[in-house]
Amino acid sequence: MQNVQTLKLTRTKEIVFSAVFTAMAVYAPMLVHYLGGVNAGRKFLPMPFFVLLAGLALGWRAGLVAGLASPIISYMLSGMPMLPILPIIIVQLCAFGFFTGILKEKHNVFVSLAGAIILGFLSMGLAVLFFSKMNAVVFVASAVRDGWFGILAQITLIPLLAKILALKPRQD
C-alpha cells in the first residue's frame, strides 16, 4: 500500500474535518464503555483510533488538535479519562496524532502507524514520569498488554479507512 496522501482541502474544510475526527474520538469511548463495560476502553482504544486517523488523513496539525482536544472534551462531558491520568492521555494522544502526520510524509501508512504508536507509548511513559508517581515501565507495559487488541485493530483498519478518505488533489 502506498503512502496515504493528505486530504486536499480548504482551510475551512480542514477545520471541519478536524472537528469531526475530534468528535468521533470523544464519542467512540462513550459508546465502547456503554456496550462493553468499564474496562472496554483499555482493550479497544477507541480514542487513539480516531486521533491516528486524523493524523493520517489530514496531517500532523489535525492529528495534534484531535489528540489535544478529544481527551479534554471527553473529560468535561463524561469525567473520563480520570483526572489523575488525563495529562498522560493528552500527551500520548498528541504524540499519536503528531507523529502519524509527520511520519506519513516520508513513509507508508503501516510504518507511519507503527512508528506513531511506538512513539505515542514512549511519550506516555515520559508523561507518567513527569505527571505521576507511578512506575512508567509498568504503566506502559500494562497499557500495551491491555490494549493489544485495539493496537491490532488500528494497524489493520486505519490503513483501509485512510485510503478511503484520501481525496485526489484538486484540479484548479
N, C-alpha and C. Protein backbone atom coordinates (compact mmCIF):
# COMPACT_ATOMS: atom_id res chain seq x y z
N MET A 1 0.85 -1.16 0.00
CA MET A 1 0.00 0.00 0.00
C MET A 1 0.90 1.23 0.00
N GLN A 2 0.63 2.15 -0.87
CA GLN A 2 1.47 3.33 -0.95
C GLN A 2 1.09 4.37 0.09
N ASN A 3 1.86 5.44 0.11
CA ASN A 3 1.61 6.49 1.10
C ASN A 3 0.22 7.05 0.95
N VAL A 4 -0.40 7.36 2.07
CA VAL A 4 -1.71 8.00 2.06
C VAL A 4 -1.48 9.49 1.88
N GLN A 5 -2.15 10.07 0.94
CA GLN A 5 -1.99 11.49 0.69
C GLN A 5 -2.87 12.30 1.64
N THR A 6 -2.40 13.46 2.02
CA THR A 6 -3.19 14.34 2.86
C THR A 6 -4.38 14.84 2.06
N LEU A 7 -5.53 14.90 2.71
CA LEU A 7 -6.70 15.45 2.03
C LEU A 7 -6.40 16.86 1.55
N LYS A 8 -6.71 17.15 0.31
CA LYS A 8 -6.53 18.49 -0.23
C LYS A 8 -7.81 19.27 0.04
N LEU A 9 -7.79 20.07 1.06
CA LEU A 9 -8.98 20.77 1.50
C LEU A 9 -8.69 22.24 1.68
N THR A 10 -9.75 23.00 1.65
CA THR A 10 -9.61 24.40 2.03
C THR A 10 -9.41 24.44 3.54
N ARG A 11 -8.98 25.56 4.05
CA ARG A 11 -8.73 25.70 5.49
C ARG A 11 -10.02 25.45 6.27
N THR A 12 -11.14 25.94 5.77
CA THR A 12 -12.42 25.75 6.45
C THR A 12 -12.79 24.28 6.52
N LYS A 13 -12.64 23.58 5.41
CA LYS A 13 -12.96 22.16 5.40
C LYS A 13 -12.01 21.37 6.29
N GLU A 14 -10.75 21.78 6.34
CA GLU A 14 -9.79 21.11 7.23
C GLU A 14 -10.21 21.26 8.68
N ILE A 15 -10.66 22.43 9.05
CA ILE A 15 -11.13 22.66 10.42
C ILE A 15 -12.36 21.82 10.71
N VAL A 16 -13.28 21.75 9.74
CA VAL A 16 -14.49 20.96 9.94
C VAL A 16 -14.14 19.48 10.08
N PHE A 17 -13.28 18.96 9.19
CA PHE A 17 -12.88 17.56 9.29
C PHE A 17 -12.15 17.29 10.61
N SER A 18 -11.31 18.20 11.06
CA SER A 18 -10.62 18.04 12.35
C SER A 18 -11.63 17.96 13.48
N ALA A 19 -12.66 18.80 13.42
CA ALA A 19 -13.70 18.77 14.44
C ALA A 19 -14.47 17.45 14.40
N VAL A 20 -14.71 16.93 13.22
CA VAL A 20 -15.42 15.65 13.10
C VAL A 20 -14.59 14.52 13.71
N PHE A 21 -13.30 14.46 13.39
CA PHE A 21 -12.45 13.42 13.98
C PHE A 21 -12.36 13.58 15.50
N THR A 22 -12.30 14.81 15.97
CA THR A 22 -12.28 15.04 17.41
C THR A 22 -13.57 14.57 18.05
N ALA A 23 -14.70 14.91 17.43
CA ALA A 23 -15.99 14.47 17.96
C ALA A 23 -16.10 12.95 17.99
N MET A 24 -15.60 12.31 16.95
CA MET A 24 -15.62 10.85 16.92
C MET A 24 -14.72 10.26 18.01
N ALA A 25 -13.59 10.91 18.25
CA ALA A 25 -12.68 10.46 19.30
C ALA A 25 -13.29 10.65 20.69
N VAL A 26 -14.20 11.61 20.83
CA VAL A 26 -14.89 11.83 22.10
C VAL A 26 -16.05 10.85 22.25
N TYR A 27 -16.79 10.66 21.18
CA TYR A 27 -18.00 9.83 21.25
C TYR A 27 -17.68 8.33 21.31
N ALA A 28 -16.68 7.88 20.57
CA ALA A 28 -16.38 6.44 20.49
C ALA A 28 -16.12 5.80 21.85
N PRO A 29 -15.33 6.42 22.75
CA PRO A 29 -15.14 5.78 24.06
C PRO A 29 -16.44 5.67 24.85
N MET A 30 -17.32 6.66 24.72
CA MET A 30 -18.61 6.59 25.41
C MET A 30 -19.41 5.39 24.92
N LEU A 31 -19.42 5.19 23.61
CA LEU A 31 -20.13 4.07 23.02
C LEU A 31 -19.50 2.74 23.43
N VAL A 32 -18.18 2.67 23.39
CA VAL A 32 -17.47 1.43 23.75
C VAL A 32 -17.71 1.10 25.23
N HIS A 33 -17.66 2.09 26.09
CA HIS A 33 -17.91 1.84 27.52
C HIS A 33 -19.36 1.41 27.74
N TYR A 34 -20.28 2.00 27.00
CA TYR A 34 -21.69 1.64 27.14
C TYR A 34 -21.92 0.19 26.71
N LEU A 35 -21.32 -0.20 25.58
CA LEU A 35 -21.55 -1.54 25.04
C LEU A 35 -20.68 -2.61 25.70
N GLY A 36 -19.45 -2.23 26.08
CA GLY A 36 -18.51 -3.24 26.56
C GLY A 36 -18.14 -3.19 28.01
N GLY A 37 -18.64 -2.23 28.75
CA GLY A 37 -18.31 -2.16 30.17
C GLY A 37 -17.18 -1.18 30.46
N VAL A 38 -16.83 -1.09 31.72
CA VAL A 38 -15.89 -0.09 32.21
C VAL A 38 -14.51 -0.22 31.59
N ASN A 39 -13.98 -1.42 31.48
CA ASN A 39 -12.61 -1.60 31.00
C ASN A 39 -12.50 -1.80 29.49
N ALA A 40 -13.59 -1.67 28.77
CA ALA A 40 -13.57 -1.89 27.32
C ALA A 40 -12.70 -0.86 26.60
N GLY A 41 -12.62 0.35 27.13
CA GLY A 41 -11.79 1.39 26.51
C GLY A 41 -10.32 1.03 26.51
N ARG A 42 -9.85 0.39 27.57
CA ARG A 42 -8.44 -0.03 27.63
C ARG A 42 -8.14 -1.15 26.63
N LYS A 43 -9.16 -1.91 26.27
CA LYS A 43 -8.96 -3.02 25.34
C LYS A 43 -9.06 -2.55 23.88
N PHE A 44 -10.07 -1.74 23.58
CA PHE A 44 -10.34 -1.37 22.19
C PHE A 44 -9.66 -0.07 21.75
N LEU A 45 -9.24 0.77 22.68
CA LEU A 45 -8.55 2.04 22.38
C LEU A 45 -9.29 2.89 21.35
N PRO A 46 -10.54 3.23 21.61
CA PRO A 46 -11.32 3.96 20.61
C PRO A 46 -10.85 5.40 20.37
N MET A 47 -10.39 6.07 21.39
CA MET A 47 -9.96 7.46 21.22
C MET A 47 -8.71 7.56 20.35
N PRO A 48 -7.66 6.76 20.61
CA PRO A 48 -6.49 6.83 19.75
C PRO A 48 -6.79 6.47 18.29
N PHE A 49 -7.78 5.62 18.07
CA PHE A 49 -8.13 5.21 16.71
C PHE A 49 -8.41 6.44 15.84
N PHE A 50 -9.24 7.34 16.32
CA PHE A 50 -9.64 8.50 15.52
C PHE A 50 -8.57 9.59 15.49
N VAL A 51 -7.76 9.65 16.52
CA VAL A 51 -6.64 10.59 16.51
C VAL A 51 -5.60 10.16 15.46
N LEU A 52 -5.29 8.87 15.43
CA LEU A 52 -4.37 8.35 14.41
C LEU A 52 -4.93 8.55 13.01
N LEU A 53 -6.21 8.32 12.85
CA LEU A 53 -6.86 8.51 11.56
C LEU A 53 -6.82 9.98 11.13
N ALA A 54 -7.01 10.88 12.07
CA ALA A 54 -6.92 12.32 11.76
C ALA A 54 -5.52 12.68 11.29
N GLY A 55 -4.50 12.16 11.95
CA GLY A 55 -3.13 12.43 11.55
C GLY A 55 -2.83 11.90 10.16
N LEU A 56 -3.33 10.73 9.84
CA LEU A 56 -3.09 10.15 8.52
C LEU A 56 -3.87 10.87 7.42
N ALA A 57 -5.12 11.14 7.68
CA ALA A 57 -5.97 11.72 6.64
C ALA A 57 -5.75 13.21 6.44
N LEU A 58 -5.44 13.93 7.53
CA LEU A 58 -5.37 15.39 7.45
C LEU A 58 -4.00 15.97 7.72
N GLY A 59 -3.10 15.21 8.30
CA GLY A 59 -1.77 15.72 8.59
C GLY A 59 -1.54 15.96 10.07
N TRP A 60 -0.32 16.38 10.39
CA TRP A 60 0.10 16.47 11.79
C TRP A 60 -0.67 17.51 12.59
N ARG A 61 -1.05 18.63 11.96
CA ARG A 61 -1.79 19.66 12.71
C ARG A 61 -3.14 19.13 13.20
N ALA A 62 -3.87 18.50 12.30
CA ALA A 62 -5.18 17.96 12.67
C ALA A 62 -5.02 16.83 13.69
N GLY A 63 -4.00 15.99 13.51
CA GLY A 63 -3.76 14.92 14.48
C GLY A 63 -3.44 15.47 15.85
N LEU A 64 -2.63 16.52 15.88
CA LEU A 64 -2.28 17.15 17.15
C LEU A 64 -3.50 17.78 17.82
N VAL A 65 -4.31 18.48 17.03
CA VAL A 65 -5.52 19.12 17.57
C VAL A 65 -6.47 18.07 18.11
N ALA A 66 -6.70 17.01 17.34
CA ALA A 66 -7.60 15.94 17.80
C ALA A 66 -7.05 15.28 19.06
N GLY A 67 -5.73 15.09 19.10
CA GLY A 67 -5.10 14.49 20.28
C GLY A 67 -5.18 15.35 21.51
N LEU A 68 -5.16 16.66 21.32
CA LEU A 68 -5.25 17.58 22.45
C LEU A 68 -6.70 17.80 22.89
N ALA A 69 -7.56 18.03 21.93
CA ALA A 69 -8.94 18.41 22.26
C ALA A 69 -9.80 17.24 22.73
N SER A 70 -9.64 16.07 22.13
CA SER A 70 -10.56 14.98 22.44
C SER A 70 -10.53 14.52 23.90
N PRO A 71 -9.37 14.35 24.55
CA PRO A 71 -9.45 13.94 25.96
C PRO A 71 -9.96 15.05 26.87
N ILE A 72 -9.68 16.29 26.52
CA ILE A 72 -10.18 17.41 27.34
C ILE A 72 -11.69 17.51 27.25
N ILE A 73 -12.22 17.44 26.02
CA ILE A 73 -13.67 17.50 25.83
C ILE A 73 -14.33 16.29 26.47
N SER A 74 -13.74 15.12 26.29
CA SER A 74 -14.29 13.90 26.89
C SER A 74 -14.34 14.02 28.41
N TYR A 75 -13.28 14.55 28.99
CA TYR A 75 -13.27 14.72 30.45
C TYR A 75 -14.37 15.69 30.89
N MET A 76 -14.54 16.77 30.15
CA MET A 76 -15.58 17.75 30.52
C MET A 76 -16.99 17.17 30.38
N LEU A 77 -17.20 16.28 29.42
CA LEU A 77 -18.53 15.71 29.21
C LEU A 77 -18.81 14.49 30.09
N SER A 78 -17.79 13.64 30.29
CA SER A 78 -18.05 12.36 30.95
C SER A 78 -17.21 12.09 32.19
N GLY A 79 -16.19 12.93 32.43
CA GLY A 79 -15.30 12.68 33.55
C GLY A 79 -14.23 11.63 33.23
N MET A 80 -14.17 11.21 31.97
CA MET A 80 -13.19 10.22 31.54
C MET A 80 -12.33 10.83 30.44
N PRO A 81 -11.05 10.56 30.38
CA PRO A 81 -10.28 9.78 31.34
C PRO A 81 -10.22 10.47 32.70
N MET A 82 -10.00 9.69 33.73
CA MET A 82 -9.98 10.23 35.09
C MET A 82 -8.89 11.30 35.20
N LEU A 83 -9.14 12.27 36.05
CA LEU A 83 -8.24 13.42 36.19
C LEU A 83 -6.78 13.05 36.46
N PRO A 84 -6.47 12.05 37.29
CA PRO A 84 -5.06 11.72 37.52
C PRO A 84 -4.30 11.27 36.27
N ILE A 85 -5.01 10.66 35.32
CA ILE A 85 -4.31 10.21 34.11
C ILE A 85 -4.60 11.10 32.89
N LEU A 86 -5.42 12.11 33.06
CA LEU A 86 -5.75 12.99 31.94
C LEU A 86 -4.51 13.59 31.27
N PRO A 87 -3.56 14.16 32.02
CA PRO A 87 -2.38 14.71 31.34
C PRO A 87 -1.57 13.66 30.59
N ILE A 88 -1.55 12.45 31.12
CA ILE A 88 -0.81 11.36 30.47
C ILE A 88 -1.48 11.00 29.14
N ILE A 89 -2.79 10.91 29.15
CA ILE A 89 -3.54 10.59 27.93
C ILE A 89 -3.42 11.72 26.92
N ILE A 90 -3.44 12.95 27.37
CA ILE A 90 -3.27 14.09 26.46
C ILE A 90 -1.92 14.01 25.75
N VAL A 91 -0.86 13.75 26.50
CA VAL A 91 0.48 13.65 25.89
C VAL A 91 0.51 12.50 24.90
N GLN A 92 -0.02 11.35 25.28
CA GLN A 92 0.00 10.19 24.39
C GLN A 92 -0.78 10.46 23.10
N LEU A 93 -1.98 11.00 23.22
CA LEU A 93 -2.80 11.24 22.03
C LEU A 93 -2.21 12.32 21.14
N CYS A 94 -1.65 13.35 21.75
CA CYS A 94 -0.96 14.37 20.95
C CYS A 94 0.19 13.75 20.17
N ALA A 95 0.93 12.87 20.81
CA ALA A 95 2.05 12.19 20.14
C ALA A 95 1.53 11.30 19.01
N PHE A 96 0.45 10.57 19.26
CA PHE A 96 -0.13 9.73 18.21
C PHE A 96 -0.47 10.57 16.98
N GLY A 97 -1.23 11.64 17.18
CA GLY A 97 -1.67 12.46 16.05
C GLY A 97 -0.53 13.16 15.35
N PHE A 98 0.39 13.73 16.14
CA PHE A 98 1.52 14.47 15.57
C PHE A 98 2.44 13.56 14.78
N PHE A 99 2.87 12.47 15.40
CA PHE A 99 3.85 11.60 14.74
C PHE A 99 3.25 10.87 13.53
N THR A 100 1.96 10.52 13.59
CA THR A 100 1.35 9.91 12.42
C THR A 100 1.37 10.87 11.24
N GLY A 101 1.01 12.12 11.50
CA GLY A 101 1.02 13.12 10.43
C GLY A 101 2.41 13.39 9.89
N ILE A 102 3.41 13.43 10.76
CA ILE A 102 4.80 13.67 10.33
C ILE A 102 5.35 12.46 9.57
N LEU A 103 5.17 11.28 10.12
CA LEU A 103 5.76 10.08 9.53
C LEU A 103 5.14 9.73 8.17
N LYS A 104 3.87 10.06 7.99
CA LYS A 104 3.23 9.70 6.72
C LYS A 104 3.78 10.48 5.54
N GLU A 105 4.47 11.58 5.82
CA GLU A 105 5.04 12.36 4.73
C GLU A 105 6.17 11.63 4.02
N LYS A 106 6.87 10.74 4.73
CA LYS A 106 8.03 10.06 4.14
C LYS A 106 7.92 8.54 4.15
N HIS A 107 6.91 8.01 4.82
CA HIS A 107 6.81 6.56 4.96
C HIS A 107 5.42 6.08 4.56
N ASN A 108 5.31 4.77 4.34
CA ASN A 108 3.99 4.23 4.02
C ASN A 108 3.11 4.22 5.27
N VAL A 109 1.86 3.90 5.08
CA VAL A 109 0.88 4.01 6.15
C VAL A 109 1.20 3.07 7.31
N PHE A 110 1.71 1.87 7.02
CA PHE A 110 1.99 0.92 8.09
C PHE A 110 3.17 1.37 8.95
N VAL A 111 4.22 1.86 8.32
CA VAL A 111 5.37 2.37 9.07
C VAL A 111 4.95 3.60 9.87
N SER A 112 4.14 4.45 9.27
CA SER A 112 3.66 5.66 9.96
C SER A 112 2.86 5.30 11.20
N LEU A 113 1.94 4.35 11.05
CA LEU A 113 1.12 3.94 12.19
C LEU A 113 1.96 3.26 13.28
N ALA A 114 2.78 2.30 12.87
CA ALA A 114 3.60 1.59 13.85
C ALA A 114 4.54 2.55 14.57
N GLY A 115 5.18 3.43 13.82
CA GLY A 115 6.08 4.41 14.43
C GLY A 115 5.35 5.34 15.38
N ALA A 116 4.18 5.82 14.96
CA ALA A 116 3.41 6.72 15.82
C ALA A 116 2.91 6.02 17.08
N ILE A 117 2.52 4.77 16.95
CA ILE A 117 2.05 4.02 18.12
C ILE A 117 3.20 3.80 19.10
N ILE A 118 4.35 3.42 18.58
CA ILE A 118 5.52 3.23 19.45
C ILE A 118 5.91 4.54 20.12
N LEU A 119 6.01 5.61 19.33
CA LEU A 119 6.37 6.92 19.89
C LEU A 119 5.31 7.43 20.85
N GLY A 120 4.05 7.11 20.58
CA GLY A 120 2.97 7.50 21.49
C GLY A 120 3.08 6.82 22.84
N PHE A 121 3.39 5.53 22.82
CA PHE A 121 3.55 4.83 24.10
C PHE A 121 4.82 5.27 24.84
N LEU A 122 5.88 5.58 24.10
CA LEU A 122 7.08 6.14 24.75
C LEU A 122 6.76 7.51 25.36
N SER A 123 5.99 8.32 24.64
CA SER A 123 5.58 9.62 25.18
C SER A 123 4.72 9.45 26.41
N MET A 124 3.88 8.43 26.39
CA MET A 124 3.06 8.13 27.57
C MET A 124 3.96 7.81 28.76
N GLY A 125 5.01 7.04 28.54
CA GLY A 125 5.95 6.72 29.61
C GLY A 125 6.61 7.96 30.18
N LEU A 126 7.03 8.87 29.29
CA LEU A 126 7.62 10.13 29.76
C LEU A 126 6.60 10.95 30.55
N ALA A 127 5.36 10.96 30.09
CA ALA A 127 4.32 11.72 30.80
C ALA A 127 4.07 11.12 32.19
N VAL A 128 4.13 9.79 32.28
CA VAL A 128 3.96 9.15 33.59
C VAL A 128 5.08 9.60 34.53
N LEU A 129 6.30 9.68 34.02
CA LEU A 129 7.42 10.13 34.84
C LEU A 129 7.21 11.55 35.36
N PHE A 130 6.66 12.42 34.50
CA PHE A 130 6.51 13.83 34.87
C PHE A 130 5.24 14.12 35.67
N PHE A 131 4.15 13.41 35.38
CA PHE A 131 2.86 13.78 35.96
C PHE A 131 2.35 12.86 37.05
N SER A 132 3.08 11.81 37.38
CA SER A 132 2.57 10.91 38.42
C SER A 132 3.73 10.26 39.18
N LYS A 133 3.38 9.52 40.17
CA LYS A 133 4.36 8.80 40.96
C LYS A 133 4.35 7.30 40.61
N MET A 134 3.62 6.95 39.55
CA MET A 134 3.54 5.55 39.13
C MET A 134 4.83 5.14 38.42
N ASN A 135 5.05 3.86 38.35
CA ASN A 135 6.18 3.30 37.63
C ASN A 135 5.86 3.37 36.14
N ALA A 136 6.64 4.11 35.37
CA ALA A 136 6.36 4.34 33.95
C ALA A 136 6.41 3.05 33.14
N VAL A 137 7.39 2.21 33.41
CA VAL A 137 7.53 0.96 32.66
C VAL A 137 6.33 0.06 32.90
N VAL A 138 5.92 -0.07 34.15
CA VAL A 138 4.76 -0.91 34.48
C VAL A 138 3.49 -0.33 33.86
N PHE A 139 3.34 0.99 33.92
CA PHE A 139 2.15 1.65 33.38
C PHE A 139 2.04 1.40 31.87
N VAL A 140 3.14 1.63 31.14
CA VAL A 140 3.12 1.46 29.68
C VAL A 140 2.96 -0.01 29.32
N ALA A 141 3.67 -0.90 30.01
CA ALA A 141 3.54 -2.33 29.73
C ALA A 141 2.11 -2.80 29.96
N SER A 142 1.47 -2.31 31.00
CA SER A 142 0.08 -2.65 31.28
C SER A 142 -0.84 -2.11 30.19
N ALA A 143 -0.59 -0.89 29.74
CA ALA A 143 -1.41 -0.30 28.68
C ALA A 143 -1.29 -1.08 27.38
N VAL A 144 -0.08 -1.51 27.04
CA VAL A 144 0.13 -2.30 25.82
C VAL A 144 -0.50 -3.68 25.97
N ARG A 145 -0.31 -4.31 27.12
CA ARG A 145 -0.88 -5.63 27.37
C ARG A 145 -2.41 -5.58 27.28
N ASP A 146 -3.01 -4.60 27.92
CA ASP A 146 -4.47 -4.50 27.91
C ASP A 146 -5.01 -4.05 26.54
N GLY A 147 -4.22 -3.26 25.81
CA GLY A 147 -4.71 -2.68 24.57
C GLY A 147 -4.23 -3.35 23.30
N TRP A 148 -3.68 -4.57 23.40
CA TRP A 148 -3.13 -5.22 22.20
C TRP A 148 -4.19 -5.39 21.12
N PHE A 149 -5.43 -5.66 21.51
CA PHE A 149 -6.49 -5.84 20.52
C PHE A 149 -6.76 -4.53 19.78
N GLY A 150 -6.81 -3.43 20.52
CA GLY A 150 -7.03 -2.12 19.91
C GLY A 150 -5.87 -1.73 19.00
N ILE A 151 -4.66 -2.04 19.41
CA ILE A 151 -3.48 -1.73 18.58
C ILE A 151 -3.56 -2.53 17.27
N LEU A 152 -3.91 -3.80 17.37
CA LEU A 152 -4.06 -4.63 16.18
C LEU A 152 -5.17 -4.09 15.27
N ALA A 153 -6.27 -3.67 15.86
CA ALA A 153 -7.37 -3.09 15.08
C ALA A 153 -6.92 -1.80 14.39
N GLN A 154 -6.13 -0.98 15.08
CA GLN A 154 -5.65 0.26 14.48
C GLN A 154 -4.77 -0.03 13.27
N ILE A 155 -3.85 -0.97 13.41
CA ILE A 155 -2.92 -1.27 12.32
C ILE A 155 -3.64 -1.95 11.16
N THR A 156 -4.74 -2.64 11.46
CA THR A 156 -5.50 -3.33 10.41
C THR A 156 -6.52 -2.42 9.72
N LEU A 157 -7.29 -1.69 10.49
CA LEU A 157 -8.42 -0.94 9.94
C LEU A 157 -8.09 0.48 9.49
N ILE A 158 -7.19 1.15 10.18
CA ILE A 158 -6.89 2.55 9.84
C ILE A 158 -6.34 2.70 8.42
N PRO A 159 -5.44 1.83 7.96
CA PRO A 159 -4.97 1.99 6.57
C PRO A 159 -6.12 1.92 5.55
N LEU A 160 -7.08 1.04 5.80
CA LEU A 160 -8.23 0.94 4.89
C LEU A 160 -9.07 2.21 4.92
N LEU A 161 -9.36 2.70 6.12
CA LEU A 161 -10.15 3.92 6.23
C LEU A 161 -9.41 5.13 5.69
N ALA A 162 -8.11 5.20 5.94
CA ALA A 162 -7.33 6.33 5.44
C ALA A 162 -7.30 6.33 3.91
N LYS A 163 -7.23 5.17 3.33
CA LYS A 163 -7.23 5.08 1.86
C LYS A 163 -8.59 5.52 1.31
N ILE A 164 -9.66 5.14 1.97
CA ILE A 164 -10.99 5.55 1.55
C ILE A 164 -11.16 7.06 1.66
N LEU A 165 -10.62 7.66 2.74
CA LEU A 165 -10.78 9.09 2.98
C LEU A 165 -9.86 9.96 2.14
N ALA A 166 -8.78 9.40 1.63
CA ALA A 166 -7.81 10.19 0.86
C ALA A 166 -8.47 10.64 -0.44
N LEU A 167 -8.46 11.94 -0.66
CA LEU A 167 -9.03 12.52 -1.87
C LEU A 167 -7.95 12.83 -2.85
N LYS A 168 -8.31 12.88 -4.09
CA LYS A 168 -7.36 13.28 -5.14
C LYS A 168 -7.10 14.78 -5.02
N PRO A 169 -5.90 15.23 -5.40
CA PRO A 169 -5.61 16.66 -5.37
C PRO A 169 -6.61 17.44 -6.24
N ARG A 170 -6.97 18.61 -5.77
CA ARG A 170 -7.89 19.46 -6.53
C ARG A 170 -7.25 19.91 -7.84
N GLN A 171 -8.05 19.95 -8.87
CA GLN A 171 -7.59 20.38 -10.18
C GLN A 171 -8.07 21.81 -10.41
N ASP A 172 -7.34 22.78 -9.90
CA ASP A 172 -7.73 24.20 -10.05
C ASP A 172 -7.20 24.79 -11.34
